[in-house]
C-alpha cells in the first residue's frame, strides 16, 4: 500500500473522518491530523466568507509536497485534502493527516505537510470582509 493515501482538491464539504481513515495503518502508533477552518476575522477585520481558487497544477504540486514529506520522514500514511469554491464561516478548508510508528514522527509529518502545502501549493484565497471589501491572499 502506498504511503500517499489521499490527495485531493474538492469543491464539496470535507470529511475529517475520511482523511483519518485514509491514513489508518495497523503498524501506526500515532496518527495526527490538522483541520483548517474558516474563521470570522483576519487582521482585526470581520470576515463574511472565503473563496478558494486552485491553479490547474495545484494537485500535482500537492502530490510533490506529499512525496517530499514521505521521502524525508518515516511515515506509514499521508493524506491532504483542500477545499475550493465559496466557503462560509466555520467550514473546513483543509485537512491533513499523517500516521507513523511513533507520535513524534506523526506530529512532524503532519506539521510539515500542512506547512509545505500552504507555502507551495497554488491555492489562493479571496476574503470578503463584513464591510464588503475583498482581498486576495497568497496570489503571485
Foldseek 3Di string as FASTA:
>chain_A
DDQEQAFEEEQDADDQVVQQVSQDDPLFPAKDKDWDFAAQDDPHFGFFKKFKDFDPCLSVFLVVQLVVLVVVAAWRHKYKYAYGGIGGGGTTGMMIMTTHNDHVRRVVSNVSSVVSSLVTRGMKMWTQTPVRDIDIPPDD
